[in-house]
Amino acid sequence: MVFSISPDDSRLPRKERVLGVIENGEAKVYRFQEFSNGTRILSDEYKGKEIVVMGNRNENFLAAFSRRFEDGTLAQGLTPSDTSPTIIMEDGEGNKFDLFGEVIEGPRMGQKLNNLDAYIGYWLAWGSFYPNAEIYDE
C-alpha cells in the first residue's frame, strides 16, 4: 500500500464506490450495489431532511437531492421512469425529472429539487473522513 489509511473502516470493501450525503458534519452513504437492477429511486430521511437518491449502476450514475422544491413543497410519489433516456424519475403530480433534479416535463417544468452536499467516492475515503458514517440499509 502506498499510504496508510487511518482510521481504516472495514464495514465495506475499501474500493467500493458509494455516494455520501453530508449534513451538519456527518455523513450517510449509499452503495452503488443497491442500484444494480435498472434505475432505482430511494426516498429516505437523514438528519431530519427528506431526501431522494436516484441511481443506476449499469448506467453509472448516482445522485441525491432534497425532496423539497425550491419553494419548499415536498415531492411525493417519486418513481423511476423509463419513458426517455433523459427522464430519470416522475412524481405524483406528473412532473418528470432529469439527472440534475430539474423538472423537464410537467406542471412544475423548470423548477428544481434542492441540491444536497453529496459526492461519489471510494469507501476508504468516506470511512476515513467520516468514521461514524451511517450506511444506508433497507
N, C-alpha and C. Protein backbone atom coordinates (compact mmCIF):
# COMPACT_ATOMS: atom_id res chain seq x y z
N MET A 1 0.84 -1.17 0.00
CA MET A 1 0.00 0.00 0.00
C MET A 1 0.90 1.24 0.00
N VAL A 2 0.55 2.23 -0.81
CA VAL A 2 1.35 3.43 -0.97
C VAL A 2 1.23 4.35 0.25
N PHE A 3 0.07 4.40 0.86
CA PHE A 3 -0.14 5.25 2.02
C PHE A 3 -1.04 4.53 3.01
N SER A 4 -0.94 4.92 4.24
CA SER A 4 -1.77 4.27 5.25
C SER A 4 -3.14 4.95 5.31
N ILE A 5 -4.12 4.18 5.71
CA ILE A 5 -5.49 4.67 5.84
C ILE A 5 -5.81 4.69 7.32
N SER A 6 -6.19 5.85 7.81
CA SER A 6 -6.48 5.96 9.24
C SER A 6 -7.60 6.95 9.48
N PRO A 7 -8.65 6.52 10.12
CA PRO A 7 -8.93 5.14 10.51
C PRO A 7 -9.35 4.31 9.30
N ASP A 8 -9.15 3.03 9.39
CA ASP A 8 -9.50 2.10 8.32
C ASP A 8 -10.80 1.41 8.69
N ASP A 9 -11.89 1.90 8.14
CA ASP A 9 -13.23 1.38 8.45
C ASP A 9 -13.51 0.17 7.57
N SER A 10 -13.61 -1.00 8.17
CA SER A 10 -13.74 -2.25 7.42
C SER A 10 -15.20 -2.69 7.22
N ARG A 11 -16.16 -1.81 7.47
CA ARG A 11 -17.56 -2.21 7.30
C ARG A 11 -17.91 -2.49 5.84
N LEU A 12 -17.20 -1.84 4.91
CA LEU A 12 -17.39 -2.08 3.47
C LEU A 12 -16.01 -2.29 2.86
N PRO A 13 -15.95 -2.91 1.67
CA PRO A 13 -14.66 -3.03 0.98
C PRO A 13 -14.10 -1.64 0.67
N ARG A 14 -12.81 -1.48 0.82
CA ARG A 14 -12.16 -0.17 0.65
C ARG A 14 -12.47 0.49 -0.69
N LYS A 15 -12.45 -0.28 -1.76
CA LYS A 15 -12.64 0.31 -3.09
C LYS A 15 -14.08 0.21 -3.60
N GLU A 16 -15.00 0.04 -2.69
CA GLU A 16 -16.41 0.07 -3.10
C GLU A 16 -16.82 1.53 -3.29
N ARG A 17 -17.44 1.82 -4.44
CA ARG A 17 -17.91 3.18 -4.70
C ARG A 17 -19.24 3.42 -4.02
N VAL A 18 -19.33 4.57 -3.39
CA VAL A 18 -20.55 4.96 -2.68
C VAL A 18 -20.85 6.43 -2.96
N LEU A 19 -22.08 6.80 -2.71
CA LEU A 19 -22.47 8.21 -2.72
C LEU A 19 -22.67 8.61 -1.28
N GLY A 20 -21.98 9.65 -0.86
CA GLY A 20 -22.11 10.13 0.51
C GLY A 20 -22.86 11.45 0.54
N VAL A 21 -23.76 11.57 1.51
CA VAL A 21 -24.51 12.80 1.74
C VAL A 21 -24.01 13.36 3.07
N ILE A 22 -23.60 14.63 3.06
CA ILE A 22 -23.08 15.28 4.26
C ILE A 22 -24.12 16.25 4.80
N GLU A 23 -24.39 16.15 6.10
CA GLU A 23 -25.32 17.05 6.77
C GLU A 23 -24.78 17.34 8.16
N ASN A 24 -24.59 18.60 8.48
CA ASN A 24 -24.09 19.02 9.80
C ASN A 24 -22.82 18.28 10.21
N GLY A 25 -21.88 18.12 9.27
CA GLY A 25 -20.60 17.50 9.57
C GLY A 25 -20.63 15.99 9.72
N GLU A 26 -21.76 15.37 9.42
CA GLU A 26 -21.88 13.91 9.48
C GLU A 26 -22.30 13.40 8.11
N ALA A 27 -22.09 12.10 7.87
CA ALA A 27 -22.35 11.56 6.54
C ALA A 27 -23.17 10.27 6.59
N LYS A 28 -23.92 10.08 5.51
CA LYS A 28 -24.63 8.82 5.27
C LYS A 28 -24.28 8.41 3.85
N VAL A 29 -23.95 7.13 3.66
CA VAL A 29 -23.54 6.66 2.35
C VAL A 29 -24.54 5.65 1.77
N TYR A 30 -24.61 5.67 0.45
CA TYR A 30 -25.49 4.79 -0.32
C TYR A 30 -24.61 4.02 -1.28
N ARG A 31 -24.75 2.71 -1.27
CA ARG A 31 -23.88 1.83 -2.06
C ARG A 31 -24.38 1.70 -3.49
N PHE A 32 -23.46 1.74 -4.45
CA PHE A 32 -23.82 1.54 -5.85
C PHE A 32 -24.55 0.21 -6.04
N GLN A 33 -24.15 -0.80 -5.30
CA GLN A 33 -24.75 -2.13 -5.48
C GLN A 33 -26.24 -2.13 -5.18
N GLU A 34 -26.75 -1.15 -4.43
CA GLU A 34 -28.19 -1.05 -4.16
C GLU A 34 -28.96 -0.66 -5.44
N PHE A 35 -28.25 -0.25 -6.48
CA PHE A 35 -28.86 0.25 -7.70
C PHE A 35 -28.47 -0.60 -8.91
N SER A 36 -28.38 -1.93 -8.70
CA SER A 36 -27.86 -2.82 -9.74
C SER A 36 -28.92 -3.36 -10.69
N ASN A 37 -30.18 -3.19 -10.41
CA ASN A 37 -31.24 -3.74 -11.27
C ASN A 37 -32.01 -2.61 -11.95
N GLY A 38 -31.37 -1.88 -12.83
CA GLY A 38 -32.03 -0.77 -13.51
C GLY A 38 -32.07 0.47 -12.64
N THR A 39 -32.80 1.47 -13.09
CA THR A 39 -32.90 2.71 -12.34
C THR A 39 -33.77 2.49 -11.11
N ARG A 40 -33.29 3.01 -9.99
CA ARG A 40 -33.99 2.85 -8.73
C ARG A 40 -34.06 4.20 -8.03
N ILE A 41 -35.15 4.44 -7.34
CA ILE A 41 -35.36 5.67 -6.59
C ILE A 41 -35.57 5.29 -5.12
N LEU A 42 -34.76 5.89 -4.24
CA LEU A 42 -34.91 5.67 -2.80
C LEU A 42 -35.35 6.97 -2.13
N SER A 43 -36.46 6.93 -1.44
CA SER A 43 -36.84 8.07 -0.60
C SER A 43 -36.37 7.74 0.80
N ASP A 44 -35.66 8.65 1.41
CA ASP A 44 -35.05 8.41 2.70
C ASP A 44 -35.11 9.69 3.53
N GLU A 45 -34.73 9.58 4.79
CA GLU A 45 -34.62 10.74 5.65
C GLU A 45 -33.26 10.68 6.34
N TYR A 46 -32.60 11.84 6.39
CA TYR A 46 -31.31 11.91 7.07
C TYR A 46 -31.21 13.24 7.79
N LYS A 47 -30.95 13.18 9.07
CA LYS A 47 -30.80 14.38 9.91
C LYS A 47 -32.01 15.31 9.77
N GLY A 48 -33.20 14.72 9.71
CA GLY A 48 -34.43 15.50 9.64
C GLY A 48 -34.79 16.02 8.27
N LYS A 49 -34.02 15.66 7.25
CA LYS A 49 -34.31 16.12 5.89
C LYS A 49 -34.82 14.96 5.05
N GLU A 50 -35.87 15.21 4.29
CA GLU A 50 -36.38 14.22 3.35
C GLU A 50 -35.51 14.28 2.11
N ILE A 51 -34.95 13.13 1.72
CA ILE A 51 -34.07 13.11 0.56
C ILE A 51 -34.51 12.04 -0.43
N VAL A 52 -34.03 12.17 -1.64
CA VAL A 52 -34.24 11.15 -2.67
C VAL A 52 -32.88 10.85 -3.28
N VAL A 53 -32.63 9.55 -3.45
CA VAL A 53 -31.41 9.10 -4.11
C VAL A 53 -31.85 8.34 -5.35
N MET A 54 -31.31 8.75 -6.49
CA MET A 54 -31.63 8.08 -7.75
C MET A 54 -30.35 7.49 -8.32
N GLY A 55 -30.46 6.32 -8.88
CA GLY A 55 -29.24 5.72 -9.41
C GLY A 55 -29.50 4.54 -10.31
N ASN A 56 -28.45 4.19 -11.05
CA ASN A 56 -28.47 3.03 -11.92
C ASN A 56 -27.01 2.59 -12.09
N ARG A 57 -26.66 1.47 -11.51
CA ARG A 57 -25.27 1.00 -11.55
C ARG A 57 -24.81 0.74 -12.98
N ASN A 58 -25.68 0.14 -13.80
CA ASN A 58 -25.31 -0.17 -15.18
C ASN A 58 -25.06 1.09 -16.00
N GLU A 59 -25.80 2.15 -15.72
CA GLU A 59 -25.63 3.42 -16.43
C GLU A 59 -24.61 4.32 -15.73
N ASN A 60 -24.10 3.87 -14.59
CA ASN A 60 -23.03 4.54 -13.85
C ASN A 60 -23.41 5.93 -13.34
N PHE A 61 -24.58 6.02 -12.71
CA PHE A 61 -24.92 7.29 -12.07
C PHE A 61 -25.59 7.07 -10.73
N LEU A 62 -25.36 8.02 -9.86
CA LEU A 62 -25.95 8.03 -8.53
C LEU A 62 -25.98 9.48 -8.09
N ALA A 63 -27.15 9.97 -7.70
CA ALA A 63 -27.30 11.37 -7.30
C ALA A 63 -28.31 11.47 -6.17
N ALA A 64 -28.16 12.51 -5.35
CA ALA A 64 -29.08 12.72 -4.22
C ALA A 64 -29.53 14.17 -4.19
N PHE A 65 -30.78 14.36 -3.82
CA PHE A 65 -31.38 15.69 -3.72
C PHE A 65 -32.30 15.73 -2.52
N SER A 66 -32.59 16.93 -2.06
CA SER A 66 -33.67 17.12 -1.10
C SER A 66 -34.96 16.79 -1.85
N ARG A 67 -35.95 16.26 -1.17
CA ARG A 67 -37.23 16.00 -1.82
C ARG A 67 -38.08 17.27 -1.89
N ARG A 68 -37.51 18.39 -1.46
CA ARG A 68 -38.24 19.66 -1.49
C ARG A 68 -37.83 20.49 -2.70
N PHE A 69 -38.85 21.07 -3.32
CA PHE A 69 -38.60 22.04 -4.37
C PHE A 69 -38.08 23.32 -3.75
N GLU A 70 -37.58 24.20 -4.58
CA GLU A 70 -37.05 25.48 -4.10
C GLU A 70 -38.09 26.28 -3.33
N ASP A 71 -39.40 26.09 -3.63
CA ASP A 71 -40.46 26.81 -2.90
C ASP A 71 -40.86 26.11 -1.60
N GLY A 72 -40.21 24.98 -1.27
CA GLY A 72 -40.49 24.28 -0.02
C GLY A 72 -41.47 23.13 -0.14
N THR A 73 -42.14 22.98 -1.28
CA THR A 73 -43.10 21.89 -1.48
C THR A 73 -42.37 20.56 -1.54
N LEU A 74 -42.92 19.55 -0.85
CA LEU A 74 -42.33 18.21 -0.82
C LEU A 74 -42.78 17.41 -2.03
N ALA A 75 -41.84 16.88 -2.80
CA ALA A 75 -42.15 16.00 -3.94
C ALA A 75 -42.64 14.66 -3.38
N GLN A 76 -43.78 14.20 -3.86
CA GLN A 76 -44.41 12.98 -3.37
C GLN A 76 -44.48 11.93 -4.47
N GLY A 77 -44.47 10.67 -4.08
CA GLY A 77 -44.68 9.57 -5.01
C GLY A 77 -43.62 9.44 -6.08
N LEU A 78 -42.36 9.59 -5.72
CA LEU A 78 -41.27 9.52 -6.70
C LEU A 78 -41.03 8.08 -7.14
N THR A 79 -41.00 7.88 -8.44
CA THR A 79 -40.79 6.55 -9.02
C THR A 79 -39.83 6.66 -10.20
N PRO A 80 -39.12 5.56 -10.53
CA PRO A 80 -38.24 5.59 -11.70
C PRO A 80 -39.06 5.72 -12.98
N SER A 81 -38.46 6.27 -14.01
CA SER A 81 -39.13 6.42 -15.30
C SER A 81 -38.27 5.83 -16.39
N ASP A 82 -38.91 5.16 -17.33
CA ASP A 82 -38.18 4.63 -18.48
C ASP A 82 -38.77 5.17 -19.78
N THR A 83 -39.45 6.33 -19.70
CA THR A 83 -40.10 6.89 -20.88
C THR A 83 -39.12 7.54 -21.85
N SER A 84 -37.94 7.92 -21.37
CA SER A 84 -36.95 8.62 -22.19
C SER A 84 -35.59 8.49 -21.51
N PRO A 85 -34.51 8.50 -22.27
CA PRO A 85 -33.19 8.42 -21.63
C PRO A 85 -32.86 9.63 -20.75
N THR A 86 -33.51 10.76 -20.99
CA THR A 86 -33.22 11.96 -20.20
C THR A 86 -34.13 12.10 -18.98
N ILE A 87 -35.20 11.32 -18.92
CA ILE A 87 -36.12 11.38 -17.78
C ILE A 87 -35.78 10.23 -16.83
N ILE A 88 -35.38 10.58 -15.59
CA ILE A 88 -34.93 9.58 -14.63
C ILE A 88 -36.05 9.16 -13.68
N MET A 89 -36.88 10.14 -13.25
CA MET A 89 -37.95 9.81 -12.31
C MET A 89 -39.14 10.72 -12.53
N GLU A 90 -40.28 10.28 -11.97
CA GLU A 90 -41.52 11.04 -12.03
C GLU A 90 -42.08 11.14 -10.62
N ASP A 91 -42.95 12.15 -10.41
CA ASP A 91 -43.62 12.26 -9.11
C ASP A 91 -45.12 12.13 -9.29
N GLY A 92 -45.85 12.18 -8.19
CA GLY A 92 -47.30 12.01 -8.19
C GLY A 92 -48.06 13.13 -8.88
N GLU A 93 -47.43 14.28 -9.11
CA GLU A 93 -48.07 15.39 -9.82
C GLU A 93 -47.90 15.29 -11.32
N GLY A 94 -47.12 14.32 -11.80
CA GLY A 94 -46.86 14.19 -13.23
C GLY A 94 -45.62 14.94 -13.69
N ASN A 95 -44.78 15.37 -12.75
CA ASN A 95 -43.53 16.02 -13.11
C ASN A 95 -42.50 14.96 -13.46
N LYS A 96 -41.68 15.26 -14.46
CA LYS A 96 -40.63 14.34 -14.90
C LYS A 96 -39.29 15.03 -14.72
N PHE A 97 -38.38 14.33 -14.03
CA PHE A 97 -37.10 14.90 -13.61
C PHE A 97 -35.94 14.33 -14.40
N ASP A 98 -34.92 15.20 -14.63
CA ASP A 98 -33.69 14.73 -15.23
C ASP A 98 -32.69 14.35 -14.14
N LEU A 99 -31.49 13.99 -14.53
CA LEU A 99 -30.45 13.56 -13.60
C LEU A 99 -30.03 14.66 -12.62
N PHE A 100 -30.32 15.90 -12.95
CA PHE A 100 -29.91 17.03 -12.11
C PHE A 100 -31.02 17.51 -11.18
N GLY A 101 -32.12 16.73 -11.09
CA GLY A 101 -33.22 17.08 -10.20
C GLY A 101 -34.13 18.17 -10.73
N GLU A 102 -34.00 18.48 -12.02
CA GLU A 102 -34.83 19.53 -12.62
C GLU A 102 -36.03 18.91 -13.32
N VAL A 103 -37.18 19.56 -13.19
CA VAL A 103 -38.38 19.11 -13.88
C VAL A 103 -38.27 19.55 -15.34
N ILE A 104 -38.27 18.56 -16.25
CA ILE A 104 -38.16 18.89 -17.68
C ILE A 104 -39.48 18.69 -18.42
N GLU A 105 -40.47 18.10 -17.74
CA GLU A 105 -41.84 17.99 -18.27
C GLU A 105 -42.78 17.99 -17.08
N GLY A 106 -43.94 18.61 -17.25
CA GLY A 106 -44.95 18.57 -16.20
C GLY A 106 -45.30 19.94 -15.66
N PRO A 107 -46.21 19.96 -14.67
CA PRO A 107 -46.72 21.23 -14.14
C PRO A 107 -45.66 22.13 -13.50
N ARG A 108 -44.58 21.56 -13.03
CA ARG A 108 -43.52 22.36 -12.40
C ARG A 108 -42.30 22.51 -13.31
N MET A 109 -42.53 22.43 -14.62
CA MET A 109 -41.42 22.50 -15.57
C MET A 109 -40.52 23.70 -15.26
N GLY A 110 -39.19 23.43 -15.23
CA GLY A 110 -38.21 24.47 -14.94
C GLY A 110 -37.86 24.57 -13.47
N GLN A 111 -38.68 24.00 -12.58
CA GLN A 111 -38.35 24.00 -11.16
C GLN A 111 -37.38 22.87 -10.86
N LYS A 112 -36.74 22.95 -9.71
CA LYS A 112 -35.68 22.01 -9.37
C LYS A 112 -35.79 21.60 -7.91
N LEU A 113 -35.39 20.35 -7.63
CA LEU A 113 -35.25 19.92 -6.25
C LEU A 113 -33.99 20.55 -5.69
N ASN A 114 -34.00 20.86 -4.40
CA ASN A 114 -32.83 21.48 -3.78
C ASN A 114 -31.65 20.51 -3.76
N ASN A 115 -30.47 21.02 -4.05
CA ASN A 115 -29.24 20.22 -4.03
C ASN A 115 -28.83 19.88 -2.60
N LEU A 116 -28.14 18.76 -2.46
CA LEU A 116 -27.54 18.34 -1.20
C LEU A 116 -26.03 18.38 -1.36
N ASP A 117 -25.34 18.37 -0.25
CA ASP A 117 -23.89 18.25 -0.25
C ASP A 117 -23.60 16.75 -0.38
N ALA A 118 -23.40 16.27 -1.61
CA ALA A 118 -23.26 14.83 -1.86
C ALA A 118 -22.18 14.58 -2.91
N TYR A 119 -21.40 13.50 -2.70
CA TYR A 119 -20.28 13.19 -3.57
C TYR A 119 -20.12 11.68 -3.71
N ILE A 120 -19.62 11.27 -4.87
CA ILE A 120 -19.29 9.86 -5.10
C ILE A 120 -17.81 9.67 -4.81
N GLY A 121 -17.47 8.58 -4.13
CA GLY A 121 -16.08 8.27 -3.84
C GLY A 121 -15.94 6.84 -3.36
N TYR A 122 -14.70 6.42 -3.15
CA TYR A 122 -14.46 5.09 -2.59
C TYR A 122 -14.75 5.10 -1.10
N TRP A 123 -15.18 3.94 -0.61
CA TRP A 123 -15.47 3.81 0.81
C TRP A 123 -14.25 4.14 1.67
N LEU A 124 -13.04 3.82 1.20
CA LEU A 124 -11.86 4.08 2.03
C LEU A 124 -11.76 5.56 2.37
N ALA A 125 -12.16 6.45 1.46
CA ALA A 125 -12.13 7.89 1.75
C ALA A 125 -13.27 8.28 2.69
N TRP A 126 -14.48 7.82 2.38
CA TRP A 126 -15.63 8.16 3.23
C TRP A 126 -15.42 7.64 4.65
N GLY A 127 -14.95 6.39 4.76
CA GLY A 127 -14.74 5.80 6.08
C GLY A 127 -13.65 6.50 6.88
N SER A 128 -12.65 7.06 6.18
CA SER A 128 -11.58 7.78 6.87
C SER A 128 -11.99 9.19 7.29
N PHE A 129 -12.65 9.90 6.40
CA PHE A 129 -13.04 11.27 6.71
C PHE A 129 -14.27 11.34 7.63
N TYR A 130 -15.14 10.33 7.52
CA TYR A 130 -16.35 10.27 8.34
C TYR A 130 -16.43 8.89 8.99
N PRO A 131 -15.61 8.66 10.05
CA PRO A 131 -15.52 7.31 10.63
C PRO A 131 -16.82 6.79 11.22
N ASN A 132 -17.77 7.63 11.51
CA ASN A 132 -19.05 7.17 12.03
C ASN A 132 -20.15 7.28 10.98
N ALA A 133 -19.77 7.28 9.71
CA ALA A 133 -20.76 7.42 8.64
C ALA A 133 -21.82 6.32 8.75
N GLU A 134 -23.05 6.74 8.56
CA GLU A 134 -24.16 5.80 8.54
C GLU A 134 -24.20 5.18 7.14
N ILE A 135 -24.44 3.88 7.07
CA ILE A 135 -24.54 3.18 5.79
C ILE A 135 -26.01 2.83 5.57
N TYR A 136 -26.57 3.29 4.45
CA TYR A 136 -27.97 3.00 4.16
C TYR A 136 -28.18 1.51 4.11
N ASP A 137 -29.23 1.06 4.78
CA ASP A 137 -29.60 -0.35 4.81
C ASP A 137 -31.11 -0.42 4.82
N GLU A 138 -31.65 -1.14 3.87
CA GLU A 138 -33.11 -1.23 3.78
C GLU A 138 -33.70 -1.93 4.94
